[in-house]
Amino acid sequence: MSARRILLVEDERHIAEGITLNLESEGYEIVWASDGHMAMEYYGSGRFDLVILDIMLPGIDGLEVCRRIRANLGTEPILFLTARDSLNDKKTGLSIGADDYITKPFDLEELILRIKAIFRRQAWLGSDGQTGNTYKFAGGIIDFKAFEAESPRGKTRLSNKECLLLKLFSEHPDEVLSRSAILDGVWGYNAYPSSRTVDNFVLKFRKIFEPDASAPIYFHTEFGTGYKFTPNGRRSND
């Protein structure tokens, strides 16, 4: 198996060199970009398993790099590594498609653990598991490998996080999943999303799969408890 390739986007050389040295010792292949324009150039010419992205970059900032990657249908996990540590910054990063967020100064061991956790989740997403790469239910079809959903409304492109959450739901049909279980399974042990973030994902799933998004029969919010996926269809008050 070839080494996982990581695009490291960091304008401070000493930080980039320290990260590169430590991640290469873990067996990863690192490609370093020192600004946003270089990051997009490298991204467009290669395949990467992970992007580690600073926000405050020369040229194109990290938030815009993330937006462009997602706009180009890139599904690689993105890990923000930045000195911008406000809750709003974290929410913004996660809302535009980041998978995790670490603030500077940071511990290299924690960074390595976060990266390994991201790759474990990606391996789980790509595994056959309980559902296989394609999952069919009464509301449609989910292709976890192609990052695509199909329903009576047509085909919809899915993000990495949407696929992870749908895989979690599909492996726990008719069960109430707590917010903590979802955060641990999809975002990781030290995540920042709020309940509202998960709600937004569920709202999108309803728009894709539900015959009537205002009266869901597949994706339910169990108030004060968590969320439930009923693949055969059931109204919340049934």
Protein backbone atom coordinates (compact mmCIF):
# COMPACT_ATOMS: atom_id res chain seq x y z
CA MET A 1 0.00 0.00 0.00
CA SER A 2 1.43 3.39 -0.99
CA ALA A 3 2.02 6.06 1.63
CA ARG A 4 -0.82 8.45 2.28
CA ARG A 5 -0.14 11.82 0.65
CA ILE A 6 -0.80 14.97 2.63
CA LEU A 7 -0.87 18.50 1.23
CA LEU A 8 0.46 20.79 3.95
CA VAL A 9 -0.42 24.45 3.40
CA GLU A 10 1.54 26.59 5.89
CA ASP A 11 3.38 29.87 5.28
CA GLU A 12 5.69 29.65 8.31
CA ARG A 13 8.69 27.57 7.24
CA HIS A 14 9.78 26.44 10.71
CA ILE A 15 6.27 25.14 11.49
CA ALA A 16 6.03 23.41 8.11
CA GLU A 17 9.45 21.79 8.55
CA GLY A 18 8.57 20.54 12.03
CA ILE A 19 5.26 19.06 10.85
CA THR A 20 6.88 17.51 7.78
CA LEU A 21 9.65 15.86 9.79
CA ASN A 22 7.20 14.34 12.28
CA LEU A 23 4.63 13.19 9.72
CA GLU A 24 7.26 11.68 7.46
CA SER A 25 8.51 9.68 10.45
CA GLU A 26 4.94 8.29 10.66
CA GLY A 27 5.18 7.10 7.05
CA TYR A 28 3.22 9.89 5.34
CA GLU A 29 4.31 11.62 2.15
CA ILE A 30 4.19 15.40 2.57
CA VAL A 31 3.87 18.05 -0.13
CA TRP A 32 4.39 21.55 1.24
CA ALA A 33 2.74 24.70 -0.16
CA SER A 34 3.64 28.05 1.40
CA ASP A 35 0.68 30.07 0.10
CA GLY A 36 -2.86 29.65 -1.20
CA HIS A 37 -1.99 29.96 -4.90
CA MET A 38 0.67 27.26 -4.59
CA ALA A 39 -1.77 25.09 -2.69
CA MET A 40 -4.33 25.23 -5.49
CA GLU A 41 -1.62 24.53 -8.09
CA TYR A 42 -0.40 21.44 -6.21
CA TYR A 43 -3.93 20.32 -5.47
CA GLY A 44 -4.90 20.52 -9.13
CA SER A 45 -1.93 18.43 -10.26
CA GLY A 46 -1.93 15.62 -7.74
CA ARG A 47 -3.95 13.24 -5.57
CA PHE A 48 -4.02 13.79 -1.82
CA ASP A 49 -5.51 11.84 1.07
CA LEU A 50 -5.62 14.85 3.41
CA VAL A 51 -5.15 18.63 3.27
CA ILE A 52 -3.72 20.40 6.34
CA LEU A 53 -4.57 24.04 5.90
CA ASP A 54 -3.62 27.25 7.68
CA ILE A 55 -6.19 30.04 7.41
CA MET A 56 -3.98 33.14 7.36
CA LEU A 57 -2.05 32.65 4.13
CA PRO A 58 -0.50 34.99 1.55
CA GLY A 59 -2.53 35.37 -1.63
CA ILE A 60 -5.58 33.18 -1.19
CA ASP A 61 -6.48 32.57 2.45
CA GLY A 62 -7.19 29.09 3.79
CA LEU A 63 -10.95 29.54 3.97
CA GLU A 64 -11.05 30.35 0.27
CA VAL A 65 -8.76 27.40 -0.53
CA CYS A 66 -11.21 25.16 1.32
CA ARG A 67 -14.18 26.65 -0.53
CA ARG A 68 -12.49 26.13 -3.91
CA ILE A 69 -11.61 22.52 -3.12
CA ARG A 70 -15.20 21.79 -2.15
CA ALA A 71 -16.58 23.74 -5.11
CA ASN A 72 -14.47 21.50 -7.37
CA LEU A 73 -16.15 18.48 -5.72
CA GLY A 74 -13.04 17.56 -3.76
CA THR A 75 -13.89 15.08 -1.02
CA GLU A 76 -10.51 14.78 0.72
CA PRO A 77 -10.59 15.48 4.46
CA ILE A 78 -9.42 19.00 5.34
CA LEU A 79 -7.82 19.80 8.69
CA PHE A 80 -7.48 23.47 9.62
CA LEU A 81 -4.36 24.31 11.61
CA THR A 82 -4.45 27.98 12.55
CA ALA A 83 -3.95 30.66 15.17
CA ARG A 84 -7.53 31.88 14.63
CA ASP A 85 -9.20 30.25 17.59
CA SER A 86 -12.57 31.96 18.06
CA LEU A 87 -15.67 29.78 18.11
CA ASN A 88 -17.00 31.62 15.05
CA ASP A 89 -13.80 30.83 13.13
CA LYS A 90 -14.17 27.15 14.03
CA LYS A 91 -17.82 27.09 13.03
CA THR A 92 -17.03 28.83 9.74
CA GLY A 93 -14.26 26.38 8.92
CA LEU A 94 -16.42 23.37 9.64
CA SER A 95 -19.44 24.81 7.84
CA ILE A 96 -17.55 25.27 4.55
CA GLY A 97 -16.29 21.72 4.51
CA ALA A 98 -13.42 21.23 6.97
CA ASP A 99 -13.28 17.93 8.84
CA ASP A 100 -11.34 19.07 11.89
CA TYR A 101 -9.77 22.19 13.41
CA ILE A 102 -6.66 22.57 15.58
CA THR A 103 -5.47 25.90 16.94
CA LYS A 104 -1.89 27.13 17.30
CA PRO A 105 0.14 26.61 19.38
CA PHE A 106 -0.49 22.91 19.08
CA ASP A 107 0.99 19.65 20.28
CA LEU A 108 2.51 17.53 17.50
CA GLU A 109 1.36 14.34 19.18
CA GLU A 110 -2.22 15.62 19.18
CA LEU A 111 -1.92 16.55 15.50
CA ILE A 112 -0.73 13.04 14.66
CA LEU A 113 -3.57 11.50 16.68
CA ARG A 114 -6.13 13.71 14.90
CA ILE A 115 -4.71 12.71 11.51
CA LYS A 116 -4.84 9.02 12.40
CA ALA A 117 -8.44 9.45 13.58
CA ILE A 118 -9.36 11.11 10.28
CA PHE A 119 -7.82 8.25 8.32
CA ARG A 120 -9.63 5.69 10.49
CA ARG A 121 -12.94 7.36 9.68
CA GLN A 122 -12.05 7.43 5.97
CA ALA A 123 -11.14 3.73 6.07
CA TRP A 124 -14.49 2.99 7.72
CA LEU A 125 -16.31 5.04 5.08
CA GLY A 126 -14.56 3.13 2.30
CA SER A 127 -15.04 -0.30 3.85
CA ASP A 128 -17.86 -2.69 3.04
CA GLY A 129 -18.87 -2.75 6.71
CA GLN A 130 -22.51 -3.54 7.37
CA THR A 131 -23.85 -1.68 4.35
CA GLY A 132 -21.27 -2.05 1.58
CA ASN A 133 -20.29 0.81 -0.72
CA THR A 134 -23.88 1.22 -1.89
CA TYR A 135 -26.83 1.39 0.46
CA LYS A 136 -30.45 1.17 -0.70
CA PHE A 137 -33.45 2.12 1.42
CA ALA A 138 -37.03 3.15 0.78
CA GLY A 139 -36.05 6.76 0.12
CA GLY A 140 -33.25 6.18 -2.36
CA ILE A 141 -29.68 5.00 -2.87
CA ILE A 142 -26.44 6.20 -1.25
CA ASP A 143 -23.14 5.53 -3.01
CA PHE A 144 -20.44 6.02 -0.38
CA LYS A 145 -17.64 5.44 -2.86
CA ALA A 146 -18.89 7.91 -5.47
CA PHE A 147 -20.09 10.44 -2.84
CA GLU A 148 -23.49 10.51 -4.47
CA ALA A 149 -27.14 10.07 -3.49
CA GLU A 150 -30.03 9.17 -5.75
CA SER A 151 -33.70 9.72 -4.94
CA PRO A 152 -36.92 10.41 -6.87
CA ARG A 153 -35.66 14.01 -7.14
CA GLY A 154 -32.54 12.89 -9.02
CA LYS A 155 -28.85 12.62 -8.16
CA THR A 156 -27.10 14.77 -5.55
CA ARG A 157 -23.39 15.16 -4.86
CA LEU A 158 -22.49 14.48 -1.21
CA SER A 159 -19.66 15.85 0.88
CA ASN A 160 -17.28 13.70 2.88
CA LYS A 161 -19.04 14.57 6.15
CA GLU A 162 -22.49 13.91 4.66
CA CYS A 163 -21.35 10.46 3.57
CA LEU A 164 -19.89 9.73 7.00
CA LEU A 165 -23.11 10.72 8.74
CA LEU A 166 -25.27 8.76 6.29
CA LYS A 167 -23.04 5.72 6.78
CA LEU A 168 -23.45 6.04 10.55
CA PHE A 169 -27.22 6.28 10.20
CA SER A 170 -27.35 3.35 7.78
CA GLU A 171 -25.40 1.12 10.17
CA HIS A 172 -27.80 1.97 13.02
CA PRO A 173 -31.29 1.80 11.48
CA ASP A 174 -34.24 2.52 13.76
CA GLU A 175 -31.90 3.49 16.60
CA VAL A 176 -31.72 6.84 18.36
CA LEU A 177 -28.17 8.15 18.02
CA SER A 178 -27.11 10.67 20.62
CA ARG A 179 -25.27 13.83 19.64
CA SER A 180 -22.13 12.56 21.40
CA ALA A 181 -22.25 9.30 19.41
CA ILE A 182 -22.55 11.26 16.18
CA LEU A 183 -19.72 13.63 17.07
CA ASP A 184 -17.47 10.72 18.01
CA GLY A 185 -18.29 8.73 14.89
CA VAL A 186 -18.29 11.51 12.32
CA TRP A 187 -16.32 14.47 13.68
CA GLY A 188 -14.06 12.89 16.28
CA TYR A 189 -13.52 13.09 19.99
CA ASN A 190 -12.71 16.80 20.18
CA ALA A 191 -15.12 18.33 17.70
CA TYR A 192 -16.76 21.73 17.65
CA PRO A 193 -20.10 21.33 15.83
CA SER A 194 -23.23 22.30 17.68
CA SER A 195 -26.53 20.45 17.65
CA ARG A 196 -27.57 22.99 15.04
CA THR A 197 -24.77 21.76 12.76
CA VAL A 198 -26.10 18.21 12.88
CA ASP A 199 -29.63 19.57 12.37
CA ASN A 200 -28.46 21.25 9.16
CA PHE A 201 -27.15 17.96 7.83
CA VAL A 202 -30.44 16.23 8.67
CA LEU A 203 -32.38 19.05 6.99
CA LYS A 204 -30.37 18.51 3.81
CA PHE A 205 -31.02 14.75 3.93
CA ARG A 206 -34.73 15.48 4.19
CA LYS A 207 -34.59 17.71 1.11
CA ILE A 208 -32.86 14.91 -0.81
CA PHE A 209 -34.82 11.86 0.29
CA GLU A 210 -38.12 12.79 1.96
CA PRO A 211 -41.35 12.94 -0.07
CA ASP A 212 -42.29 15.90 2.16
CA ALA A 213 -39.36 17.47 4.02
CA SER A 214 -41.75 19.11 6.50
CA ALA A 215 -43.17 15.72 7.52
CA PRO A 216 -40.16 13.40 7.57
CA ILE A 217 -40.51 9.63 7.51
CA TYR A 218 -36.81 8.68 7.25
CA PHE A 219 -34.69 11.25 9.12
CA HIS A 220 -36.00 12.26 12.53
CA THR A 221 -34.89 14.65 15.26
CA GLU A 222 -35.60 13.13 18.66
CA PHE A 223 -35.73 16.31 20.72
CA GLY A 224 -33.56 16.21 23.81
CA THR A 225 -32.18 12.82 22.80
CA GLY A 226 -30.63 12.69 19.34
CA TYR A 227 -31.50 11.57 15.84
CA LYS A 228 -33.07 8.49 14.25
CA PHE A 229 -32.99 7.03 10.75
CA THR A 230 -35.91 4.77 9.77
CA PRO A 231 -35.06 3.22 6.38
CA ASN A 232 -38.51 1.75 5.77
CA GLY A 233 -40.26 5.03 6.54
CA ARG A 234 -42.11 6.05 9.67
CA ARG A 235 -43.59 9.33 10.76
CA SER A 236 -42.21 10.74 14.01
CA ASN A 237 -45.51 10.34 15.83
CA ASP A 238 -46.25 6.81 14.59
